[in-house]
């Protein structure tokens, strides 16, 4: 990028990737995205203390982001940076996996596509200088083919 990013949208499970990016890019607005029902970091940031995922958390395709509670270290970093946290639905994640393939031939696992899901669904607005982190391609080939074949 010719200039530093203004906003970075990051998948979040335990917060390691997001907190590392927050430390590396102190001038950027950091927005984390978690699966619906697995939003322990979002809830922790809102309540100012670590809150575990509920015992009734729903199934999610974003298995890489299924953390029962966040780390005190990552929570502290993200809290200090005053990051914004949102969630993305399973449908939005499926749409993002499909979009990444159709538009760029990228194989992205659901948890790695969740930041893109939040952007494409309109949960997060696109502004000039936005970077979306796509992380991980560990998806079962059959599941990927099924998602790609779905109608939007």
N, C-alpha and C. Protein backbone atom coordinates (compact mmCIF):
# COMPACT_ATOMS: atom_id res chain seq x y z
N UNK A 1 0.84 -1.18 0.00
CA UNK A 1 0.00 0.00 0.00
C UNK A 1 0.88 1.24 0.00
N UNK A 2 0.50 2.24 -0.75
CA UNK A 2 1.29 3.46 -0.79
C UNK A 2 1.25 4.24 0.53
N UNK A 3 0.20 4.05 1.32
CA UNK A 3 0.09 4.69 2.62
C UNK A 3 -0.33 3.64 3.64
N UNK A 4 -0.16 3.96 4.90
CA UNK A 4 -0.56 3.03 5.96
C UNK A 4 -2.08 2.84 5.93
N UNK A 5 -2.56 1.64 6.26
CA UNK A 5 -4.00 1.40 6.27
C UNK A 5 -4.70 2.24 7.33
N UNK A 6 -5.91 2.67 7.00
CA UNK A 6 -6.71 3.44 7.95
C UNK A 6 -7.54 2.52 8.83
N UNK A 7 -8.01 1.41 8.26
CA UNK A 7 -8.84 0.45 8.98
C UNK A 7 -8.38 -0.94 8.59
N UNK A 8 -8.26 -1.82 9.59
CA UNK A 8 -7.91 -3.21 9.33
C UNK A 8 -8.98 -4.08 9.97
N UNK A 9 -9.59 -4.92 9.16
CA UNK A 9 -10.65 -5.82 9.62
C UNK A 9 -10.02 -7.21 9.77
N UNK A 10 -10.16 -7.79 10.97
CA UNK A 10 -9.40 -9.00 11.32
C UNK A 10 -10.32 -10.08 11.89
N UNK A 11 -10.16 -11.34 11.44
CA UNK A 11 -10.86 -12.44 12.10
C UNK A 11 -10.37 -12.54 13.54
N UNK A 12 -11.26 -12.96 14.45
CA UNK A 12 -10.85 -13.05 15.85
C UNK A 12 -11.42 -14.30 16.51
N UNK A 13 -10.52 -15.06 17.10
CA UNK A 13 -10.89 -16.18 17.97
C UNK A 13 -10.41 -15.81 19.36
N UNK A 14 -9.18 -16.18 19.65
CA UNK A 14 -8.58 -15.80 20.94
C UNK A 14 -7.99 -14.42 20.95
N UNK A 15 -7.81 -13.83 19.78
CA UNK A 15 -7.33 -12.46 19.68
C UNK A 15 -5.85 -12.30 19.38
N UNK A 16 -5.12 -13.40 19.16
CA UNK A 16 -3.69 -13.30 18.89
C UNK A 16 -3.36 -12.54 17.63
N UNK A 17 -4.00 -12.90 16.53
CA UNK A 17 -3.74 -12.22 15.26
C UNK A 17 -4.15 -10.74 15.36
N UNK A 18 -5.33 -10.50 15.91
CA UNK A 18 -5.82 -9.13 16.02
C UNK A 18 -4.95 -8.27 16.92
N UNK A 19 -4.51 -8.81 18.04
CA UNK A 19 -3.69 -8.00 18.95
C UNK A 19 -2.31 -7.75 18.34
N UNK A 20 -1.77 -8.72 17.62
CA UNK A 20 -0.50 -8.51 16.94
C UNK A 20 -0.59 -7.41 15.90
N UNK A 21 -1.66 -7.43 15.14
CA UNK A 21 -1.87 -6.39 14.13
C UNK A 21 -2.10 -5.03 14.80
N UNK A 22 -2.85 -5.04 15.90
CA UNK A 22 -3.10 -3.79 16.63
C UNK A 22 -1.79 -3.17 17.12
N UNK A 23 -0.87 -4.02 17.58
CA UNK A 23 0.42 -3.50 18.04
C UNK A 23 1.29 -3.04 16.88
N UNK A 24 1.24 -3.76 15.77
CA UNK A 24 2.08 -3.43 14.62
C UNK A 24 1.58 -2.21 13.86
N UNK A 25 0.30 -1.92 13.96
CA UNK A 25 -0.30 -0.81 13.20
C UNK A 25 -1.06 0.12 14.14
N UNK A 26 -0.35 0.85 14.98
CA UNK A 26 -1.02 1.65 16.01
C UNK A 26 -1.88 2.79 15.48
N UNK A 27 -1.65 3.22 14.25
CA UNK A 27 -2.44 4.33 13.71
C UNK A 27 -3.74 3.87 13.06
N UNK A 28 -3.87 2.58 12.82
CA UNK A 28 -5.05 2.07 12.13
C UNK A 28 -6.18 1.76 13.10
N UNK A 29 -7.41 1.97 12.64
CA UNK A 29 -8.58 1.50 13.37
C UNK A 29 -8.62 -0.02 13.18
N UNK A 30 -8.75 -0.77 14.26
CA UNK A 30 -8.84 -2.21 14.19
C UNK A 30 -10.27 -2.62 14.47
N UNK A 31 -10.83 -3.45 13.58
CA UNK A 31 -12.17 -3.99 13.77
C UNK A 31 -12.03 -5.51 13.75
N UNK A 32 -12.48 -6.16 14.83
CA UNK A 32 -12.42 -7.61 14.88
C UNK A 32 -13.79 -8.19 14.54
N UNK A 33 -13.76 -9.39 13.97
CA UNK A 33 -15.01 -10.06 13.59
C UNK A 33 -15.00 -11.47 14.15
N UNK A 34 -16.09 -11.83 14.80
CA UNK A 34 -16.26 -13.16 15.38
C UNK A 34 -17.55 -13.77 14.87
N UNK A 35 -17.66 -15.10 14.92
CA UNK A 35 -18.91 -15.75 14.53
C UNK A 35 -20.02 -15.46 15.55
N UNK A 36 -21.24 -15.36 15.07
CA UNK A 36 -22.37 -15.17 15.98
C UNK A 36 -22.38 -16.30 17.01
N UNK A 37 -22.54 -15.93 18.28
CA UNK A 37 -22.57 -16.91 19.35
C UNK A 37 -21.21 -17.29 19.89
N UNK A 38 -20.16 -16.92 19.18
CA UNK A 38 -18.78 -17.17 19.62
C UNK A 38 -18.05 -15.84 19.78
N UNK A 39 -18.78 -14.84 20.21
CA UNK A 39 -18.28 -13.47 20.30
C UNK A 39 -17.83 -13.11 21.71
N UNK A 40 -16.96 -13.96 22.27
CA UNK A 40 -16.47 -13.72 23.61
C UNK A 40 -15.59 -12.47 23.71
N UNK A 41 -14.83 -12.18 22.68
CA UNK A 41 -14.01 -10.96 22.73
C UNK A 41 -14.92 -9.73 22.65
N UNK A 42 -15.90 -9.77 21.77
CA UNK A 42 -16.83 -8.64 21.66
C UNK A 42 -17.52 -8.39 23.00
N UNK A 43 -18.02 -9.45 23.62
CA UNK A 43 -18.70 -9.31 24.91
C UNK A 43 -17.75 -8.89 26.01
N UNK A 44 -16.53 -9.41 25.98
CA UNK A 44 -15.53 -9.04 26.98
C UNK A 44 -15.18 -7.56 26.87
N UNK A 45 -14.98 -7.09 25.64
CA UNK A 45 -14.66 -5.67 25.45
C UNK A 45 -15.82 -4.79 25.90
N UNK A 46 -17.03 -5.20 25.60
CA UNK A 46 -18.21 -4.40 25.99
C UNK A 46 -18.38 -4.35 27.51
N UNK A 47 -18.05 -5.45 28.20
CA UNK A 47 -18.24 -5.51 29.65
C UNK A 47 -16.99 -5.11 30.45
N UNK A 48 -15.87 -4.94 29.75
CA UNK A 48 -14.65 -4.52 30.43
C UNK A 48 -13.99 -5.61 31.25
N UNK A 49 -14.37 -6.85 31.03
CA UNK A 49 -13.77 -8.00 31.72
C UNK A 49 -13.96 -9.22 30.82
N UNK A 50 -13.14 -10.24 31.04
CA UNK A 50 -13.22 -11.43 30.20
C UNK A 50 -14.50 -12.20 30.50
N UNK A 51 -15.26 -12.43 29.44
CA UNK A 51 -16.53 -13.14 29.51
C UNK A 51 -16.42 -14.37 28.62
N UNK A 52 -16.65 -15.56 29.16
CA UNK A 52 -16.53 -16.77 28.32
C UNK A 52 -17.72 -16.91 27.37
N UNK A 53 -17.52 -17.76 26.38
CA UNK A 53 -18.60 -18.11 25.47
C UNK A 53 -19.65 -18.87 26.27
N UNK A 54 -20.91 -18.66 25.93
CA UNK A 54 -21.99 -19.35 26.61
C UNK A 54 -21.96 -20.86 26.37
N UNK A 55 -22.51 -21.60 27.30
CA UNK A 55 -22.54 -23.06 27.16
C UNK A 55 -23.44 -23.50 26.01
N UNK A 56 -24.30 -22.62 25.57
CA UNK A 56 -25.24 -22.94 24.48
C UNK A 56 -24.80 -22.33 23.15
N UNK A 57 -23.50 -22.11 22.99
CA UNK A 57 -23.00 -21.52 21.74
C UNK A 57 -23.38 -22.40 20.56
N UNK A 58 -23.83 -21.78 19.47
CA UNK A 58 -24.28 -22.56 18.31
C UNK A 58 -23.12 -23.17 17.54
N UNK A 59 -23.44 -24.15 16.72
CA UNK A 59 -22.45 -24.71 15.81
C UNK A 59 -22.03 -23.62 14.83
N UNK A 60 -20.79 -23.69 14.40
CA UNK A 60 -20.30 -22.71 13.43
C UNK A 60 -19.31 -23.36 12.47
N UNK A 61 -19.32 -22.88 11.24
CA UNK A 61 -18.32 -23.30 10.27
C UNK A 61 -16.93 -22.77 10.63
N UNK A 62 -16.90 -21.74 11.44
CA UNK A 62 -15.65 -21.06 11.80
C UNK A 62 -14.97 -21.76 12.96
N UNK A 63 -14.64 -23.03 12.78
CA UNK A 63 -14.06 -23.82 13.87
C UNK A 63 -12.73 -23.25 14.35
N UNK A 64 -12.00 -22.58 13.50
CA UNK A 64 -10.72 -22.00 13.90
C UNK A 64 -10.90 -20.85 14.90
N UNK A 65 -12.12 -20.34 15.01
CA UNK A 65 -12.37 -19.20 15.89
C UNK A 65 -13.15 -19.59 17.14
N UNK A 66 -13.31 -20.87 17.36
CA UNK A 66 -14.08 -21.35 18.52
C UNK A 66 -13.19 -21.41 19.76
N UNK A 67 -13.06 -20.29 20.42
CA UNK A 67 -12.31 -20.25 21.67
C UNK A 67 -13.31 -20.06 22.81
N UNK A 68 -13.19 -20.84 23.87
CA UNK A 68 -14.16 -20.73 24.96
C UNK A 68 -14.03 -19.45 25.78
N UNK A 69 -12.82 -18.89 25.81
CA UNK A 69 -12.61 -17.59 26.45
C UNK A 69 -11.31 -17.00 25.91
N UNK A 70 -11.21 -15.70 26.00
CA UNK A 70 -10.05 -15.02 25.42
C UNK A 70 -8.91 -14.96 26.43
N UNK A 71 -7.73 -14.72 25.93
CA UNK A 71 -6.54 -14.60 26.76
C UNK A 71 -6.49 -13.22 27.42
N UNK A 72 -6.06 -13.16 28.66
CA UNK A 72 -5.90 -11.84 29.30
C UNK A 72 -4.94 -10.93 28.54
N UNK A 73 -3.92 -11.50 27.94
CA UNK A 73 -2.94 -10.68 27.21
C UNK A 73 -3.59 -10.05 25.99
N UNK A 74 -4.25 -10.85 25.17
CA UNK A 74 -4.86 -10.30 23.96
C UNK A 74 -6.03 -9.38 24.30
N UNK A 75 -6.80 -9.75 25.32
CA UNK A 75 -7.90 -8.89 25.75
C UNK A 75 -7.37 -7.51 26.15
N UNK A 76 -6.29 -7.50 26.92
CA UNK A 76 -5.71 -6.23 27.37
C UNK A 76 -5.25 -5.35 26.23
N UNK A 77 -4.60 -5.98 25.25
CA UNK A 77 -4.12 -5.22 24.09
C UNK A 77 -5.29 -4.63 23.32
N UNK A 78 -6.29 -5.45 23.03
CA UNK A 78 -7.43 -4.98 22.24
C UNK A 78 -8.27 -3.97 23.02
N UNK A 79 -8.36 -4.14 24.31
CA UNK A 79 -9.07 -3.17 25.14
C UNK A 79 -8.33 -1.83 25.13
N UNK A 80 -7.02 -1.87 25.29
CA UNK A 80 -6.22 -0.63 25.28
C UNK A 80 -6.34 0.10 23.94
N UNK A 81 -6.41 -0.66 22.86
CA UNK A 81 -6.52 -0.06 21.52
C UNK A 81 -7.94 0.37 21.19
N UNK A 82 -8.89 0.05 22.04
CA UNK A 82 -10.30 0.41 21.84
C UNK A 82 -10.82 -0.08 20.49
N UNK A 83 -10.55 -1.35 20.21
CA UNK A 83 -10.99 -1.92 18.94
C UNK A 83 -12.51 -2.04 18.92
N UNK A 84 -13.02 -2.04 17.74
CA UNK A 84 -14.46 -2.27 17.53
C UNK A 84 -14.63 -3.75 17.25
N UNK A 85 -15.71 -4.34 17.72
CA UNK A 85 -15.95 -5.76 17.52
C UNK A 85 -17.36 -5.96 16.96
N UNK A 86 -17.45 -6.81 15.94
CA UNK A 86 -18.74 -7.15 15.33
C UNK A 86 -18.79 -8.66 15.13
N UNK A 87 -19.97 -9.13 14.76
CA UNK A 87 -20.13 -10.54 14.44
C UNK A 87 -20.57 -10.68 12.99
N UNK A 88 -20.40 -11.89 12.48
CA UNK A 88 -20.88 -12.22 11.14
C UNK A 88 -21.67 -13.52 11.22
N UNK A 89 -22.70 -13.60 10.43
CA UNK A 89 -23.57 -14.78 10.41
C UNK A 89 -22.94 -15.90 9.59
N UNK A 90 -23.45 -17.10 9.78
CA UNK A 90 -22.99 -18.25 8.99
C UNK A 90 -23.24 -18.01 7.50
N UNK A 91 -24.39 -17.43 7.17
CA UNK A 91 -24.69 -17.15 5.76
C UNK A 91 -23.72 -16.16 5.15
N UNK A 92 -23.36 -15.14 5.92
CA UNK A 92 -22.40 -14.15 5.42
C UNK A 92 -21.02 -14.78 5.23
N UNK A 93 -20.65 -15.69 6.12
CA UNK A 93 -19.37 -16.38 5.99
C UNK A 93 -19.36 -17.25 4.73
N UNK A 94 -20.43 -17.97 4.49
CA UNK A 94 -20.53 -18.80 3.29
C UNK A 94 -20.41 -17.92 2.04
N UNK A 95 -21.10 -16.79 2.06
CA UNK A 95 -21.03 -15.86 0.92
C UNK A 95 -19.60 -15.36 0.70
N UNK A 96 -18.87 -15.12 1.78
CA UNK A 96 -17.50 -14.62 1.66
C UNK A 96 -16.56 -15.70 1.11
N UNK A 97 -16.73 -16.93 1.57
CA UNK A 97 -15.92 -18.02 1.03
C UNK A 97 -16.16 -18.16 -0.47
N UNK A 98 -17.43 -18.08 -0.85
CA UNK A 98 -17.80 -18.19 -2.27
C UNK A 98 -17.25 -17.00 -3.07
N UNK A 99 -17.39 -15.80 -2.56
CA UNK A 99 -16.92 -14.58 -3.24
C UNK A 99 -15.41 -14.64 -3.45
N UNK A 100 -14.67 -15.06 -2.42
CA UNK A 100 -13.21 -15.14 -2.53
C UNK A 100 -12.81 -16.10 -3.66
N UNK A 101 -13.57 -17.17 -3.81
CA UNK A 101 -13.27 -18.13 -4.87
C UNK A 101 -13.68 -17.57 -6.24
N UNK A 102 -14.91 -17.07 -6.33
CA UNK A 102 -15.43 -16.61 -7.62
C UNK A 102 -14.67 -15.40 -8.15
N UNK A 103 -14.30 -14.49 -7.30
CA UNK A 103 -13.66 -13.25 -7.74
C UNK A 103 -12.14 -13.35 -7.84
N UNK A 104 -11.53 -14.21 -7.00
CA UNK A 104 -10.07 -14.23 -6.93
C UNK A 104 -9.45 -15.63 -6.90
N UNK A 105 -10.27 -16.66 -7.03
CA UNK A 105 -9.81 -18.04 -6.99
C UNK A 105 -9.00 -18.33 -5.72
N UNK A 106 -9.41 -17.73 -4.61
CA UNK A 106 -8.78 -17.95 -3.32
C UNK A 106 -9.58 -18.98 -2.53
N UNK A 107 -8.90 -19.97 -2.00
CA UNK A 107 -9.53 -20.94 -1.11
C UNK A 107 -9.28 -20.44 0.31
N UNK A 108 -10.34 -19.98 0.96
CA UNK A 108 -10.23 -19.42 2.30
C UNK A 108 -11.16 -20.20 3.22
N UNK A 109 -10.63 -20.62 4.35
CA UNK A 109 -11.46 -21.34 5.32
C UNK A 109 -12.48 -20.37 5.91
N UNK A 110 -13.60 -20.88 6.43
CA UNK A 110 -14.65 -19.98 6.95
C UNK A 110 -14.14 -19.00 8.02
N UNK A 111 -13.38 -19.46 8.97
CA UNK A 111 -12.86 -18.55 9.99
C UNK A 111 -11.95 -17.49 9.41
N UNK A 112 -11.24 -17.85 8.37
CA UNK A 112 -10.35 -16.89 7.71
C UNK A 112 -11.07 -15.92 6.81
N UNK A 113 -12.32 -16.24 6.46
CA UNK A 113 -13.11 -15.38 5.57
C UNK A 113 -14.08 -14.48 6.34
N UNK A 114 -14.11 -14.60 7.66
CA UNK A 114 -15.13 -13.89 8.42
C UNK A 114 -14.98 -12.37 8.36
N UNK A 115 -13.76 -11.86 8.26
CA UNK A 115 -13.57 -10.41 8.13
C UNK A 115 -14.15 -9.92 6.81
N UNK A 116 -13.92 -10.69 5.77
CA UNK A 116 -14.51 -10.36 4.47
C UNK A 116 -16.03 -10.45 4.54
N UNK A 117 -16.54 -11.42 5.28
CA UNK A 117 -17.99 -11.57 5.44
C UNK A 117 -18.62 -10.32 6.04
N UNK A 118 -17.96 -9.76 7.05
CA UNK A 118 -18.49 -8.56 7.68
C UNK A 118 -18.49 -7.37 6.72
N UNK A 119 -17.49 -7.29 5.88
CA UNK A 119 -17.42 -6.20 4.90
C UNK A 119 -18.48 -6.39 3.81
N UNK A 120 -18.55 -7.58 3.24
CA UNK A 120 -19.49 -7.82 2.14
C UNK A 120 -20.94 -7.72 2.58
N UNK A 121 -21.23 -8.07 3.83
CA UNK A 121 -22.61 -8.03 4.32
C UNK A 121 -23.03 -6.62 4.73
N UNK A 122 -22.08 -5.70 4.80
CA UNK A 122 -22.40 -4.34 5.20
C UNK A 122 -22.31 -4.12 6.70
N UNK A 123 -21.90 -5.12 7.45
CA UNK A 123 -21.75 -4.98 8.90
C UNK A 123 -20.67 -3.93 9.20
N UNK A 124 -19.68 -3.87 8.33
CA UNK A 124 -18.62 -2.86 8.43
C UNK A 124 -18.56 -2.14 7.09
N UNK A 125 -18.56 -0.83 7.14
CA UNK A 125 -18.49 -0.05 5.91
C UNK A 125 -17.06 -0.04 5.37
N UNK A 126 -16.97 0.01 4.07
CA UNK A 126 -15.67 0.13 3.43
C UNK A 126 -15.31 1.61 3.34
N UNK A 127 -14.13 1.92 3.80
CA UNK A 127 -13.60 3.27 3.65
C UNK A 127 -12.27 3.15 2.92
N UNK A 128 -11.85 4.21 2.28
CA UNK A 128 -10.56 4.18 1.60
C UNK A 128 -9.47 3.86 2.61
N UNK A 129 -8.59 2.96 2.24
CA UNK A 129 -7.52 2.56 3.13
C UNK A 129 -7.87 1.38 4.01
N UNK A 130 -8.96 0.68 3.68
CA UNK A 130 -9.35 -0.50 4.45
C UNK A 130 -8.58 -1.72 3.99
N UNK A 131 -8.09 -2.50 4.94
CA UNK A 131 -7.44 -3.77 4.68
C UNK A 131 -8.29 -4.85 5.34
N UNK A 132 -8.56 -5.92 4.60
CA UNK A 132 -9.30 -7.05 5.12
C UNK A 132 -8.35 -8.24 5.19
N UNK A 133 -8.20 -8.80 6.36
CA UNK A 133 -7.31 -9.95 6.54
C UNK A 133 -8.07 -11.23 6.22
N UNK A 134 -7.53 -11.98 5.25
CA UNK A 134 -8.01 -13.32 4.93
C UNK A 134 -6.94 -14.28 5.44
N UNK A 135 -7.30 -15.14 6.37
CA UNK A 135 -6.28 -16.01 6.95
C UNK A 135 -6.73 -17.45 6.95
N UNK A 136 -5.92 -18.30 6.38
CA UNK A 136 -6.18 -19.72 6.46
C UNK A 136 -6.91 -20.29 5.27
N UNK A 137 -6.41 -21.41 4.78
CA UNK A 137 -7.04 -22.13 3.68
C UNK A 137 -7.36 -23.56 4.07
N UNK A 138 -7.49 -23.81 5.38
CA UNK A 138 -7.71 -25.16 5.88
C UNK A 138 -9.21 -25.48 5.87
N UNK A 139 -9.72 -25.80 4.70
CA UNK A 139 -11.13 -26.14 4.55
C UNK A 139 -11.22 -27.46 3.79
N UNK A 140 -12.11 -28.30 4.25
CA UNK A 140 -12.34 -29.57 3.57
C UNK A 140 -12.71 -29.29 2.12
N UNK A 141 -12.06 -29.92 1.15
CA UNK A 141 -12.34 -29.64 -0.26
C UNK A 141 -13.80 -29.89 -0.64
N UNK A 142 -14.42 -30.88 -0.04
CA UNK A 142 -15.83 -31.17 -0.34
C UNK A 142 -16.71 -30.04 0.17
N UNK A 143 -16.45 -29.58 1.40
CA UNK A 143 -17.22 -28.46 1.95
C UNK A 143 -17.01 -27.21 1.09
N UNK A 144 -15.77 -26.94 0.70
CA UNK A 144 -15.51 -25.77 -0.14
C UNK A 144 -16.29 -25.86 -1.45
N UNK A 145 -16.28 -27.02 -2.07
CA UNK A 145 -17.02 -27.20 -3.34
C UNK A 145 -18.51 -26.98 -3.11
N UNK A 146 -19.04 -27.46 -2.01
CA UNK A 146 -20.47 -27.26 -1.71
C UNK A 146 -20.80 -25.79 -1.55
N UNK A 147 -19.97 -25.08 -0.81
CA UNK A 147 -20.22 -23.65 -0.59
C UNK A 147 -20.13 -22.89 -1.89
N UNK A 148 -19.12 -23.18 -2.67
CA UNK A 148 -18.91 -22.47 -3.95
C UNK A 148 -20.09 -22.74 -4.90
N UNK A 149 -20.67 -23.93 -4.84
CA UNK A 149 -21.77 -24.29 -5.74
C UNK A 149 -23.11 -23.69 -5.30
N UNK A 150 -23.21 -23.21 -4.07
CA UNK A 150 -24.47 -22.63 -3.59
C UNK A 150 -24.83 -21.39 -4.37
N UNK A 151 -26.11 -21.12 -4.45
CA UNK A 151 -26.60 -19.90 -5.06
C UNK A 151 -26.62 -18.79 -4.01
N UNK A 152 -26.12 -17.65 -4.37
CA UNK A 152 -26.08 -16.51 -3.42
C UNK A 152 -27.47 -15.99 -3.13
